[in-house]
Amino acid sequence: MKLLDFALGDLAASYTEPHWLSSHAIICPTNAAVDEVGHHIMMTFPAKKLNRVTRVETAVVLVVVVVVVVVVVVVVVVVVVVVVIVVAVVVVAVVVVVVVVFNHYCDKIPFIKTKR
């Protein structure tokens, strides 16, 4: 692994710099070789410097995302239901107004005969 030491230089000091990190890649003929080289590189870091995400942290993030999505969906459904109710109330109000106005003026329109 002296080749990696030569190619990567002072990895522990440079890995936090985005430009340095983006200019390095692992190129191997197989994915298994990439995994082996990547594992070796990861083992060169001091354990406390790595910020590895555990499975528990990943599960917590996933639960939070699911809860947020459910809350957003519930809010959208409630808003849609409220809008439908408001539209229905407005339509009923318009129909009532039309019927009241029609009944009030129907005697004044000569071609409309109503029974009273």
PDB file of N, CA and C in Angstrom:
ATOM      1  N   MET A   1       0.801  -1.192   0.000  1.00  0.00           N
ATOM      2  CA  MET A   1       0.000   0.000   0.000  1.00  0.00           C
ATOM      3  C   MET A   1       0.855   1.272   0.000  1.00  0.00           C
ATOM      4  N   LYS A   2       2.111   1.107  -0.291  1.00  0.00           N
ATOM      5  CA  LYS A   2       2.983   2.279  -0.409  1.00  0.00           C
ATOM      6  C   LYS A   2       2.543   3.146  -1.586  1.00  0.00           C
ATOM      7  N   LEU A   3       1.981   2.517  -2.586  1.00  0.00           N
ATOM      8  CA  LEU A   3       1.487   3.267  -3.741  1.00  0.00           C
ATOM      9  C   LEU A   3       0.380   4.240  -3.301  1.00  0.00           C
ATOM     10  N   LEU A   4      -0.515   3.789  -2.417  1.00  0.00           N
ATOM     11  CA  LEU A   4      -1.570   4.679  -1.909  1.00  0.00           C
ATOM     12  C   LEU A   4      -0.966   5.833  -1.112  1.00  0.00           C
ATOM     13  N   ASP A   5       0.024   5.516  -0.292  1.00  0.00           N
ATOM     14  CA  ASP A   5       0.666   6.589   0.473  1.00  0.00           C
ATOM     15  C   ASP A   5       1.293   7.622  -0.461  1.00  0.00           C
ATOM     16  N   PHE A   6       1.902   7.142  -1.547  1.00  0.00           N
ATOM     17  CA  PHE A   6       2.499   8.049  -2.526  1.00  0.00           C
ATOM     18  C   PHE A   6       1.415   8.858  -3.243  1.00  0.00           C
ATOM     19  N   ALA A   7       0.335   8.184  -3.675  1.00  0.00           N
ATOM     20  CA  ALA A   7      -0.711   8.850  -4.465  1.00  0.00           C
ATOM     21  C   ALA A   7      -1.532   9.827  -3.631  1.00  0.00           C
ATOM     22  N   LEU A   8      -1.790   9.483  -2.381  1.00  0.00           N
ATOM     23  CA  LEU A   8      -2.672  10.312  -1.578  1.00  0.00           C
ATOM     24  C   LEU A   8      -1.935  11.281  -0.662  1.00  0.00           C
ATOM     25  N   GLY A   9      -0.672  11.051  -0.445  1.00  0.00           N
ATOM     26  CA  GLY A   9       0.101  11.959   0.402  1.00  0.00           C
ATOM     27  C   GLY A   9      -0.398  11.927   1.827  1.00  0.00           C
ATOM     28  N   ASP A  10      -0.491  13.114   2.448  1.00  0.00           N
ATOM     29  CA  ASP A  10      -0.942  13.214   3.828  1.00  0.00           C
ATOM     30  C   ASP A  10      -2.473  13.231   3.845  1.00  0.00           C
ATOM     31  N   LEU A  11      -3.050  12.060   3.740  1.00  0.00           N
ATOM     32  CA  LEU A  11      -4.501  11.922   3.629  1.00  0.00           C
ATOM     33  C   LEU A  11      -5.220  12.464   4.867  1.00  0.00           C
ATOM     34  N   ALA A  12      -4.707  12.164   6.036  1.00  0.00           N
ATOM     35  CA  ALA A  12      -5.375  12.580   7.276  1.00  0.00           C
ATOM     36  C   ALA A  12      -5.464  14.100   7.398  1.00  0.00           C
ATOM     37  N   ALA A  13      -4.507  14.806   6.821  1.00  0.00           N
ATOM     38  CA  ALA A  13      -4.525  16.272   6.901  1.00  0.00           C
ATOM     39  C   ALA A  13      -5.298  16.902   5.749  1.00  0.00           C
ATOM     40  N   SER A  14      -5.455  16.195   4.643  1.00  0.00           N
ATOM     41  CA  SER A  14      -6.026  16.808   3.434  1.00  0.00           C
ATOM     42  C   SER A  14      -7.471  16.426   3.139  1.00  0.00           C
ATOM     43  N   TYR A  15      -7.999  15.394   3.776  1.00  0.00           N
ATOM     44  CA  TYR A  15      -9.318  14.881   3.370  1.00  0.00           C
ATOM     45  C   TYR A  15     -10.465  15.853   3.649  1.00  0.00           C
ATOM     46  N   THR A  16     -10.269  16.854   4.469  1.00  0.00           N
ATOM     47  CA  THR A  16     -11.354  17.795   4.760  1.00  0.00           C
ATOM     48  C   THR A  16     -11.450  18.926   3.742  1.00  0.00           C
ATOM     49  N   GLU A  17     -10.484  19.032   2.854  1.00  0.00           N
ATOM     50  CA  GLU A  17     -10.502  20.084   1.840  1.00  0.00           C
ATOM     51  C   GLU A  17     -11.276  19.592   0.611  1.00  0.00           C
ATOM     52  N   PRO A  18     -12.375  20.248   0.256  1.00  0.00           N
ATOM     53  CA  PRO A  18     -13.204  19.775  -0.860  1.00  0.00           C
ATOM     54  C   PRO A  18     -12.450  19.694  -2.183  1.00  0.00           C
ATOM     55  N   HIS A  19     -11.596  20.672  -2.478  1.00  0.00           N
ATOM     56  CA  HIS A  19     -10.877  20.655  -3.746  1.00  0.00           C
ATOM     57  C   HIS A  19      -9.939  19.451  -3.811  1.00  0.00           C
ATOM     58  N   TRP A  20      -9.222  19.187  -2.732  1.00  0.00           N
ATOM     59  CA  TRP A  20      -8.311  18.045  -2.709  1.00  0.00           C
ATOM     60  C   TRP A  20      -9.084  16.745  -2.848  1.00  0.00           C
ATOM     61  N   LEU A  21     -10.195  16.654  -2.119  1.00  0.00           N
ATOM     62  CA  LEU A  21     -10.983  15.428  -2.127  1.00  0.00           C
ATOM     63  C   LEU A  21     -11.583  15.161  -3.505  1.00  0.00           C
ATOM     64  N   SER A  22     -12.052  16.208  -4.170  1.00  0.00           N
ATOM     65  CA  SER A  22     -12.672  16.015  -5.486  1.00  0.00           C
ATOM     66  C   SER A  22     -11.659  15.700  -6.579  1.00  0.00           C
ATOM     67  N   SER A  23     -10.400  15.920  -6.315  1.00  0.00           N
ATOM     68  CA  SER A  23      -9.394  15.647  -7.345  1.00  0.00           C
ATOM     69  C   SER A  23      -8.768  14.259  -7.209  1.00  0.00           C
ATOM     70  N   HIS A  24      -9.277  13.430  -6.318  1.00  0.00           N
ATOM     71  CA  HIS A  24      -8.756  12.077  -6.127  1.00  0.00           C
ATOM     72  C   HIS A  24      -9.868  11.060  -6.332  1.00  0.00           C
ATOM     73  N   ALA A  25      -9.524   9.954  -6.949  1.00  0.00           N
ATOM     74  CA  ALA A  25     -10.493   8.889  -7.190  1.00  0.00           C
ATOM     75  C   ALA A  25      -9.774   7.548  -7.104  1.00  0.00           C
ATOM     76  N   ILE A  26     -10.549   6.500  -6.827  1.00  0.00           N
ATOM     77  CA  ILE A  26     -10.005   5.149  -6.808  1.00  0.00           C
ATOM     78  C   ILE A  26     -10.411   4.490  -8.115  1.00  0.00           C
ATOM     79  N   ILE A  27      -9.430   4.150  -8.932  1.00  0.00           N
ATOM     80  CA  ILE A  27      -9.706   3.495 -10.208  1.00  0.00           C
ATOM     81  C   ILE A  27      -9.068   2.120 -10.160  1.00  0.00           C
ATOM     82  N   CYS A  28      -9.894   1.095 -10.261  1.00  0.00           N
ATOM     83  CA  CYS A  28      -9.433  -0.290 -10.213  1.00  0.00           C
ATOM     84  C   CYS A  28     -10.199  -1.084 -11.260  1.00  0.00           C
ATOM     85  N   PRO A  29      -9.679  -2.238 -11.639  1.00  0.00           N
ATOM     86  CA  PRO A  29     -10.364  -3.025 -12.671  1.00  0.00           C
ATOM     87  C   PRO A  29     -11.673  -3.656 -12.193  1.00  0.00           C
ATOM     88  N   THR A  30     -11.836  -3.876 -10.886  1.00  0.00           N
ATOM     89  CA  THR A  30     -13.072  -4.487 -10.388  1.00  0.00           C
ATOM     90  C   THR A  30     -13.585  -3.702  -9.176  1.00  0.00           C
ATOM     91  N   ASN A  31     -14.873  -3.869  -8.907  1.00  0.00           N
ATOM     92  CA  ASN A  31     -15.458  -3.226  -7.724  1.00  0.00           C
ATOM     93  C   ASN A  31     -14.874  -3.808  -6.438  1.00  0.00           C
ATOM     94  N   ALA A  32     -14.544  -5.093  -6.461  1.00  0.00           N
ATOM     95  CA  ALA A  32     -13.956  -5.715  -5.275  1.00  0.00           C
ATOM     96  C   ALA A  32     -12.619  -5.053  -4.945  1.00  0.00           C
ATOM     97  N   ALA A  33     -11.837  -4.730  -5.954  1.00  0.00           N
ATOM     98  CA  ALA A  33     -10.555  -4.057  -5.726  1.00  0.00           C
ATOM     99  C   ALA A  33     -10.777  -2.654  -5.186  1.00  0.00           C
ATOM    100  N   VAL A  34     -11.784  -1.964  -5.698  1.00  0.00           N
ATOM    101  CA  VAL A  34     -12.108  -0.631  -5.192  1.00  0.00           C
ATOM    102  C   VAL A  34     -12.493  -0.723  -3.721  1.00  0.00           C
ATOM    103  N   ASP A  35     -13.301  -1.717  -3.370  1.00  0.00           N
ATOM    104  CA  ASP A  35     -13.696  -1.900  -1.976  1.00  0.00           C
ATOM    105  C   ASP A  35     -12.487  -2.162  -1.089  1.00  0.00           C
ATOM    106  N   GLU A  36     -11.566  -2.974  -1.561  1.00  0.00           N
ATOM    107  CA  GLU A  36     -10.371  -3.291  -0.778  1.00  0.00           C
ATOM    108  C   GLU A  36      -9.512  -2.041  -0.565  1.00  0.00           C
ATOM    109  N   VAL A  37      -9.308  -1.279  -1.625  1.00  0.00           N
ATOM    110  CA  VAL A  37      -8.506  -0.056  -1.516  1.00  0.00           C
ATOM    111  C   VAL A  37      -9.218   0.962  -0.624  1.00  0.00           C
ATOM    112  N   GLY A  38     -10.524   1.116  -0.820  1.00  0.00           N
ATOM    113  CA  GLY A  38     -11.296   2.039   0.010  1.00  0.00           C
ATOM    114  C   GLY A  38     -11.238   1.649   1.476  1.00  0.00           C
ATOM    115  N   HIS A  39     -11.322   0.347   1.759  1.00  0.00           N
ATOM    116  CA  HIS A  39     -11.236  -0.118   3.141  1.00  0.00           C
ATOM    117  C   HIS A  39      -9.868   0.226   3.733  1.00  0.00           C
ATOM    118  N   HIS A  40      -8.831   0.013   2.961  1.00  0.00           N
ATOM    119  CA  HIS A  40      -7.484   0.342   3.441  1.00  0.00           C
ATOM    120  C   HIS A  40      -7.367   1.847   3.730  1.00  0.00           C
ATOM    121  N   ILE A  41      -7.910   2.657   2.850  1.00  0.00           N
ATOM    122  CA  ILE A  41      -7.850   4.110   3.045  1.00  0.00           C
ATOM    123  C   ILE A  41      -8.613   4.492   4.311  1.00  0.00           C
ATOM    124  N   MET A  42      -9.789   3.912   4.515  1.00  0.00           N
ATOM    125  CA  MET A  42     -10.581   4.241   5.702  1.00  0.00           C
ATOM    126  C   MET A  42      -9.856   3.840   6.983  1.00  0.00           C
ATOM    127  N   MET A  43      -9.079   2.778   6.937  1.00  0.00           N
ATOM    128  CA  MET A  43      -8.358   2.322   8.121  1.00  0.00           C
ATOM    129  C   MET A  43      -7.180   3.241   8.469  1.00  0.00           C
ATOM    130  N   THR A  44      -6.760   4.107   7.554  1.00  0.00           N
ATOM    131  CA  THR A  44      -5.644   5.005   7.841  1.00  0.00           C
ATOM    132  C   THR A  44      -6.069   6.210   8.667  1.00  0.00           C
ATOM    133  N   PHE A  45      -7.373   6.491   8.738  1.00  0.00           N
ATOM    134  CA  PHE A  45      -7.865   7.622   9.528  1.00  0.00           C
ATOM    135  C   PHE A  45      -7.894   7.251  11.005  1.00  0.00           C
ATOM    136  N   PRO A  46      -7.590   8.204  11.854  1.00  0.00           N
ATOM    137  CA  PRO A  46      -7.826   7.958  13.285  1.00  0.00           C
ATOM    138  C   PRO A  46      -9.329   7.816  13.522  1.00  0.00           C
ATOM    139  N   ALA A  47      -9.731   6.889  14.356  1.00  0.00           N
ATOM    140  CA  ALA A  47     -11.159   6.572  14.547  1.00  0.00           C
ATOM    141  C   ALA A  47     -11.958   7.777  15.018  1.00  0.00           C
ATOM    142  N   LYS A  48     -11.409   8.602  15.888  1.00  0.00           N
ATOM    143  CA  LYS A  48     -12.196   9.719  16.403  1.00  0.00           C
ATOM    144  C   LYS A  48     -12.356  10.851  15.397  1.00  0.00           C
ATOM    145  N   LYS A  49     -11.556  10.880  14.332  1.00  0.00           N
ATOM    146  CA  LYS A  49     -11.698  11.934  13.318  1.00  0.00           C
ATOM    147  C   LYS A  49     -12.830  11.631  12.342  1.00  0.00           C
ATOM    148  N   LEU A  50     -13.175  10.369  12.205  1.00  0.00           N
ATOM    149  CA  LEU A  50     -14.227  10.004  11.259  1.00  0.00           C
ATOM    150  C   LEU A  50     -15.591  10.300  11.859  1.00  0.00           C
ATOM    151  N   ASN A  51     -16.443  10.815  11.050  1.00  0.00           N
ATOM    152  CA  ASN A  51     -17.806  11.077  11.472  1.00  0.00           C
ATOM    153  C   ASN A  51     -18.696  10.092  10.734  1.00  0.00           C
ATOM    154  N   ARG A  52     -18.707   8.878  11.203  1.00  0.00           N
ATOM    155  CA  ARG A  52     -19.490   7.838  10.546  1.00  0.00           C
ATOM    156  C   ARG A  52     -20.921   7.883  11.054  1.00  0.00           C
ATOM    157  N   VAL A  53     -21.840   7.700  10.155  1.00  0.00           N
ATOM    158  CA  VAL A  53     -23.246   7.677  10.523  1.00  0.00           C
ATOM    159  C   VAL A  53     -23.600   6.237  10.862  1.00  0.00           C
ATOM    160  N   THR A  54     -24.124   6.024  12.059  1.00  0.00           N
ATOM    161  CA  THR A  54     -24.484   4.681  12.479  1.00  0.00           C
ATOM    162  C   THR A  54     -25.841   4.295  11.919  1.00  0.00           C
ATOM    163  N   ARG A  55     -26.167   3.033  12.047  1.00  0.00           N
ATOM    164  CA  ARG A  55     -27.471   2.561  11.578  1.00  0.00           C
ATOM    165  C   ARG A  55     -28.595   3.198  12.391  1.00  0.00           C
ATOM    166  N   VAL A  56     -28.355   3.413  13.687  1.00  0.00           N
ATOM    167  CA  VAL A  56     -29.378   4.042  14.527  1.00  0.00           C
ATOM    168  C   VAL A  56     -29.628   5.470  14.062  1.00  0.00           C
ATOM    169  N   GLU A  57     -28.564   6.221  13.769  1.00  0.00           N
ATOM    170  CA  GLU A  57     -28.733   7.591  13.284  1.00  0.00           C
ATOM    171  C   GLU A  57     -29.472   7.607  11.965  1.00  0.00           C
ATOM    172  N   THR A  58     -29.142   6.655  11.085  1.00  0.00           N
ATOM    173  CA  THR A  58     -29.826   6.556   9.792  1.00  0.00           C
ATOM    174  C   THR A  58     -31.306   6.246  10.007  1.00  0.00           C
ATOM    175  N   ALA A  59     -31.616   5.351  10.927  1.00  0.00           N
ATOM    176  CA  ALA A  59     -33.014   5.011  11.212  1.00  0.00           C
ATOM    177  C   ALA A  59     -33.761   6.208  11.780  1.00  0.00           C
ATOM    178  N   VAL A  60     -33.115   6.968  12.651  1.00  0.00           N
ATOM    179  CA  VAL A  60     -33.752   8.158  13.229  1.00  0.00           C
ATOM    180  C   VAL A  60     -34.056   9.175  12.137  1.00  0.00           C
ATOM    181  N   VAL A  61     -33.097   9.406  11.258  1.00  0.00           N
ATOM    182  CA  VAL A  61     -33.315  10.347  10.147  1.00  0.00           C
ATOM    183  C   VAL A  61     -34.458   9.861   9.265  1.00  0.00           C
ATOM    184  N   LEU A  62     -34.490   8.569   8.980  1.00  0.00           N
ATOM    185  CA  LEU A  62     -35.559   8.016   8.154  1.00  0.00           C
ATOM    186  C   LEU A  62     -36.921   8.196   8.820  1.00  0.00           C
ATOM    187  N   VAL A  63     -37.000   7.948  10.121  1.00  0.00           N
ATOM    188  CA  VAL A  63     -38.266   8.127  10.841  1.00  0.00           C
ATOM    189  C   VAL A  63     -38.690   9.592  10.803  1.00  0.00           C
ATOM    190  N   VAL A  64     -37.758  10.502  10.995  1.00  0.00           N
ATOM    191  CA  VAL A  64     -38.083  11.931  10.959  1.00  0.00           C
ATOM    192  C   VAL A  64     -38.601  12.317   9.578  1.00  0.00           C
ATOM    193  N   VAL A  65     -37.956  11.831   8.537  1.00  0.00           N
ATOM    194  CA  VAL A  65     -38.397  12.147   7.170  1.00  0.00           C
ATOM    195  C   VAL A  65     -39.800  11.602   6.931  1.00  0.00           C
ATOM    196  N   VAL A  66     -40.065  10.385   7.366  1.00  0.00           N
ATOM    197  CA  VAL A  66     -41.395   9.798   7.179  1.00  0.00           C
ATOM    198  C   VAL A  66     -42.444  10.600   7.937  1.00  0.00           C
ATOM    199  N   VAL A  67     -42.137  11.002   9.174  1.00  0.00           N
ATOM    200  CA  VAL A  67     -43.083  11.794   9.958  1.00  0.00           C
ATOM    201  C   VAL A  67     -43.365  13.128   9.277  1.00  0.00           C
ATOM    202  N   VAL A  68     -42.328  13.775   8.768  1.00  0.00           N
ATOM    203  CA  VAL A  68     -42.518  15.059   8.076  1.00  0.00           C
ATOM    204  C   VAL A  68     -43.383  14.873   6.836  1.00  0.00           C
ATOM    205  N   VAL A  69     -43.142  13.825   6.078  1.00  0.00           N
ATOM    206  CA  VAL A  69     -43.943  13.573   4.870  1.00  0.00           C
ATOM    207  C   VAL A  69     -45.399  13.315   5.252  1.00  0.00           C
ATOM    208  N   VAL A  70     -45.632  12.531   6.295  1.00  0.00           N
ATOM    209  CA  VAL A  70     -47.006  12.252   6.728  1.00  0.00           C
ATOM    210  C   VAL A  70     -47.694  13.535   7.176  1.00  0.00           C
ATOM    211  N   VAL A  71     -46.997  14.371   7.927  1.00  0.00           N
ATOM    212  CA  VAL A  71     -47.586  15.638   8.373  1.00  0.00           C
ATOM    213  C   VAL A  71     -47.932  16.521   7.184  1.00  0.00           C
ATOM    214  N   VAL A  72     -47.043  16.602   6.214  1.00  0.00           N
ATOM    215  CA  VAL A  72     -47.307  17.422   5.021  1.00  0.00           C
ATOM    216  C   VAL A  72     -48.518  16.883   4.266  1.00  0.00           C
ATOM    217  N   VAL A  73     -48.615  15.575   4.121  1.00  0.00           N
ATOM    218  CA  VAL A  73     -49.761  14.986   3.410  1.00  0.00           C
ATOM    219  C   VAL A  73     -51.055  15.278   4.166  1.00  0.00           C
ATOM    220  N   VAL A  74     -51.036  15.143   5.484  1.00  0.00           N
ATOM    221  CA  VAL A  74     -52.240  15.422   6.279  1.00  0.00           C
ATOM    222  C   VAL A  74     -52.645  16.885   6.139  1.00  0.00           C
ATOM    223  N   VAL A  75     -51.686  17.790   6.192  1.00  0.00           N
ATOM    224  CA  VAL A  75     -51.989  19.215   6.049  1.00  0.00           C
ATOM    225  C   VAL A  75     -52.590  19.495   4.671  1.00  0.00           C
ATOM    226  N   VAL A  76     -52.027  18.904   3.640  1.00  0.00           N
ATOM    227  CA  VAL A  76     -52.553  19.118   2.284  1.00  0.00           C
ATOM    228  C   VAL A  76     -53.980  18.583   2.182  1.00  0.00           C
ATOM    229  N   VAL A  77     -54.237  17.408   2.748  1.00  0.00           N
ATOM    230  CA  VAL A  77     -55.591  16.843   2.699  1.00  0.00           C
ATOM    231  C   VAL A  77     -56.568  17.738   3.458  1.00  0.00           C
ATOM    232  N   VAL A  78     -56.181  18.243   4.613  1.00  0.00           N
ATOM    233  CA  VAL A  78     -57.057  19.126   5.384  1.00  0.00           C
ATOM    234  C   VAL A  78     -57.341  20.402   4.605  1.00  0.00           C
ATOM    235  N   VAL A  79     -56.331  20.962   3.984  1.00  0.00           N
ATOM    236  CA  VAL A  79     -56.531  22.184   3.193  1.00  0.00           C
ATOM    237  C   VAL A  79     -57.479  21.918   2.031  1.00  0.00           C
ATOM    238  N   VAL A  80     -57.314  20.797   1.361  1.00  0.00           N
ATOM    239  CA  VAL A  80     -58.201  20.465   0.233  1.00  0.00           C
ATOM    240  C   VAL A  80     -59.640  20.297   0.732  1.00  0.00           C
ATOM    241  N   VAL A  81     -59.816  19.612   1.851  1.00  0.00           N
ATOM    242  CA  VAL A  81     -61.171  19.425   2.392  1.00  0.00           C
ATOM    243  C   VAL A  81     -61.789  20.772   2.759  1.00  0.00           C
ATOM    244  N   VAL A  82     -61.030  21.645   3.387  1.00  0.00           N
ATOM    245  CA  VAL A  82     -61.544  22.970   3.747  1.00  0.00           C
ATOM    246  C   VAL A  82     -61.927  23.754   2.497  1.00  0.00           C
ATOM    247  N   VAL A  83     -61.110  23.701   1.474  1.00  0.00           N
ATOM    248  CA  VAL A  83     -61.416  24.413   0.227  1.00  0.00           C
ATOM    249  C   VAL A  83     -62.691  23.858  -0.400  1.00  0.00           C
ATOM    250  N   VAL A  84     -62.851  22.547  -0.407  1.00  0.00           N
ATOM    251  CA  VAL A  84     -64.065  21.947  -0.972  1.00  0.00           C
ATOM    252  C   VAL A  84     -65.292  22.383  -0.174  1.00  0.00           C
ATOM    253  N   ILE A  85     -65.186  22.412   1.138  1.00  0.00           N
ATOM    254  CA  ILE A  85     -66.314  22.847   1.965  1.00  0.00           C
ATOM    255  C   ILE A  85     -66.648  24.312   1.701  1.00  0.00           C
ATOM    256  N   VAL A  86     -65.647  25.161   1.609  1.00  0.00           N
ATOM    257  CA  VAL A  86     -65.880  26.587   1.337  1.00  0.00           C
ATOM    258  C   VAL A  86     -66.536  26.768  -0.025  1.00  0.00           C
ATOM    259  N   VAL A  87     -66.072  26.062  -1.020  1.00  0.00           N
ATOM    260  CA  VAL A  87     -66.673  26.165  -2.355  1.00  0.00           C
ATOM    261  C   VAL A  87     -68.121  25.688  -2.318  1.00  0.00           C
ATOM    262  N   ALA A  88     -68.395  24.602  -1.604  1.00  0.00           N
ATOM    263  CA  ALA A  88     -69.773  24.103  -1.508  1.00  0.00           C
ATOM    264  C   ALA A  88     -70.674  25.118  -0.820  1.00  0.00           C
ATOM    265  N   VAL A  89     -70.200  25.746   0.237  1.00  0.00           N
ATOM    266  CA  VAL A  89     -70.989  26.763   0.945  1.00  0.00           C
ATOM    267  C   VAL A  89     -71.258  27.956   0.031  1.00  0.00           C
ATOM    268  N   VAL A  90     -70.258  28.382  -0.715  1.00  0.00           N
ATOM    269  CA  VAL A  90     -70.444  29.510  -1.640  1.00  0.00           C
ATOM    270  C   VAL A  90     -71.458  29.152  -2.720  1.00  0.00           C
ATOM    271  N   VAL A  91     -71.383  27.947  -3.259  1.00  0.00           N
ATOM    272  CA  VAL A  91     -72.336  27.529  -4.300  1.00  0.00           C
ATOM    273  C   VAL A  91     -73.751  27.506  -3.738  1.00  0.00           C
ATOM    274  N   VAL A  92     -73.923  26.957  -2.557  1.00  0.00           N
ATOM    275  CA  VAL A  92     -75.260  26.925  -1.934  1.00  0.00           C
ATOM    276  C   VAL A  92     -75.762  28.346  -1.693  1.00  0.00           C
ATOM    277  N   ALA A  93     -74.890  29.227  -1.215  1.00  0.00           N
ATOM    278  CA  ALA A  93     -75.299  30.608  -0.973  1.00  0.00           C
ATOM    279  C   ALA A  93     -75.732  31.288  -2.270  1.00  0.00           C
ATOM    280  N   VAL A  94     -75.012  31.062  -3.343  1.00  0.00           N
ATOM    281  CA  VAL A  94     -75.370  31.657  -4.635  1.00  0.00           C
ATOM    282  C   VAL A  94     -76.710  31.114  -5.110  1.00  0.00           C
ATOM    283  N   VAL A  95     -76.925  29.817  -4.960  1.00  0.00           N
ATOM    284  CA  VAL A  95     -78.203  29.232  -5.376  1.00  0.00           C
ATOM    285  C   VAL A  95     -79.350  29.815  -4.553  1.00  0.00           C
ATOM    286  N   VAL A  96     -79.162  29.972  -3.266  1.00  0.00           N
ATOM    287  CA  VAL A  96     -80.204  30.557  -2.414  1.00  0.00           C
ATOM    288  C   VAL A  96     -80.502  31.984  -2.841  1.00  0.00           C
ATOM    289  N   VAL A  97     -79.478  32.757  -3.098  1.00  0.00           N
ATOM    290  CA  VAL A  97     -79.681  34.145  -3.533  1.00  0.00           C
ATOM    291  C   VAL A  97     -80.423  34.181  -4.856  1.00  0.00           C
ATOM    292  N   VAL A  98     -80.057  33.327  -5.790  1.00  0.00           N
ATOM    293  CA  VAL A  98     -80.731  33.295  -7.092  1.00  0.00           C
ATOM    294  C   VAL A  98     -82.196  32.925  -6.916  1.00  0.00           C
ATOM    295  N   VAL A  99     -82.476  31.937  -6.085  1.00  0.00           N
ATOM    296  CA  VAL A  99     -83.875  31.523  -5.876  1.00  0.00           C
ATOM    297  C   VAL A  99     -84.674  32.645  -5.211  1.00  0.00           C
ATOM    298  N   VAL A 100     -84.101  33.294  -4.225  1.00  0.00           N
ATOM    299  CA  VAL A 100     -84.799  34.390  -3.541  1.00  0.00           C
ATOM    300  C   VAL A 100     -85.059  35.543  -4.516  1.00  0.00           C
ATOM    301  N   VAL A 101     -84.067  35.921  -5.279  1.00  0.00           N
ATOM    302  CA  VAL A 101     -84.235  37.018  -6.244  1.00  0.00           C
ATOM    303  C   VAL A 101     -85.255  36.622  -7.306  1.00  0.00           C
ATOM    304  N   PHE A 102     -85.187  35.395  -7.793  1.00  0.00           N
ATOM    305  CA  PHE A 102     -86.144  34.937  -8.810  1.00  0.00           C
ATOM    306  C   PHE A 102     -87.566  34.976  -8.267  1.00  0.00           C
ATOM    307  N   ASN A 103     -87.753  34.475  -7.048  1.00  0.00           N
ATOM    308  CA  ASN A 103     -89.102  34.489  -6.460  1.00  0.00           C
ATOM    309  C   ASN A 103     -89.606  35.907  -6.221  1.00  0.00           C
ATOM    310  N   HIS A 104     -88.710  36.797  -5.900  1.00  0.00           N
ATOM    311  CA  HIS A 104     -89.116  38.181  -5.655  1.00  0.00           C
ATOM    312  C   HIS A 104     -89.548  38.883  -6.943  1.00  0.00           C
ATOM    313  N   TYR A 105     -88.833  38.622  -8.020  1.00  0.00           N
ATOM    314  CA  TYR A 105     -89.109  39.345  -9.264  1.00  0.00           C
ATOM    315  C   TYR A 105     -89.959  38.562 -10.261  1.00  0.00           C
ATOM    316  N   CYS A 106     -90.347  37.347  -9.957  1.00  0.00           N
ATOM    317  CA  CYS A 106     -91.075  36.568 -10.961  1.00  0.00           C
ATOM    318  C   CYS A 106     -92.453  37.144 -11.270  1.00  0.00           C
ATOM    319  N   ASP A 107     -93.059  37.838 -10.333  1.00  0.00           N
ATOM    320  CA  ASP A 107     -94.355  38.460 -10.605  1.00  0.00           C
ATOM    321  C   ASP A 107     -94.220  39.637 -11.560  1.00  0.00           C
ATOM    322  N   LYS A 108     -93.066  40.219 -11.632  1.00  0.00           N
ATOM    323  CA  LYS A 108     -92.875  41.381 -12.484  1.00  0.00           C
ATOM    324  C   LYS A 108     -92.464  41.014 -13.907  1.00  0.00           C
ATOM    325  N   ILE A 109     -92.191  39.748 -14.142  1.00  0.00           N
ATOM    326  CA  ILE A 109     -91.833  39.309 -15.490  1.00  0.00           C
ATOM    327  C   ILE A 109     -93.094  38.717 -16.114  1.00  0.00           C
ATOM    328  N   PRO A 110     -93.577  39.303 -17.211  1.00  0.00           N
ATOM    329  CA  PRO A 110     -94.894  38.919 -17.737  1.00  0.00           C
ATOM    330  C   PRO A 110     -94.957  37.490 -18.266  1.00  0.00           C
ATOM    331  N   PHE A 111     -93.891  36.917 -18.769  1.00  0.00           N
ATOM    332  CA  PHE A 111     -94.002  35.584 -19.377  1.00  0.00           C
ATOM    333  C   PHE A 111     -93.759  34.458 -18.362  1.00  0.00           C
ATOM    334  N   ILE A 112     -93.497  34.789 -17.083  1.00  0.00           N
ATOM    335  CA  ILE A 112     -93.336  33.761 -16.057  1.00  0.00           C
ATOM    336  C   ILE A 112     -94.568  33.771 -15.174  1.00  0.00           C
ATOM    337  N   LYS A 113     -95.254  32.681 -15.104  1.00  0.00           N
ATOM    338  CA  LYS A 113     -96.450  32.561 -14.272  1.00  0.00           C
ATOM    339  C   LYS A 113     -96.112  31.602 -13.158  1.00  0.00           C
ATOM    340  N   THR A 114     -96.335  32.004 -11.945  1.00  0.00           N
ATOM    341  CA  THR A 114     -96.088  31.136 -10.797  1.00  0.00           C
ATOM    342  C   THR A 114     -97.387  30.907 -10.056  1.00  0.00           C
ATOM    343  N   LYS A 115     -97.466  29.808  -9.381  1.00  0.00           N
ATOM    344  CA  LYS A 115     -98.641  29.495  -8.584  1.00  0.00           C
ATOM    345  C   LYS A 115     -98.387  30.013  -7.180  1.00  0.00           C
ATOM    346  N   ARG A 116     -99.361  30.826  -6.715  1.00  0.00           N
ATOM    347  CA  ARG A 116     -99.257  31.314  -5.330  1.00  0.00           C
ATOM    348  C   ARG A 116    -100.581  31.245  -4.680  1.00  0.00           C
TER     349      ARG A 116
END
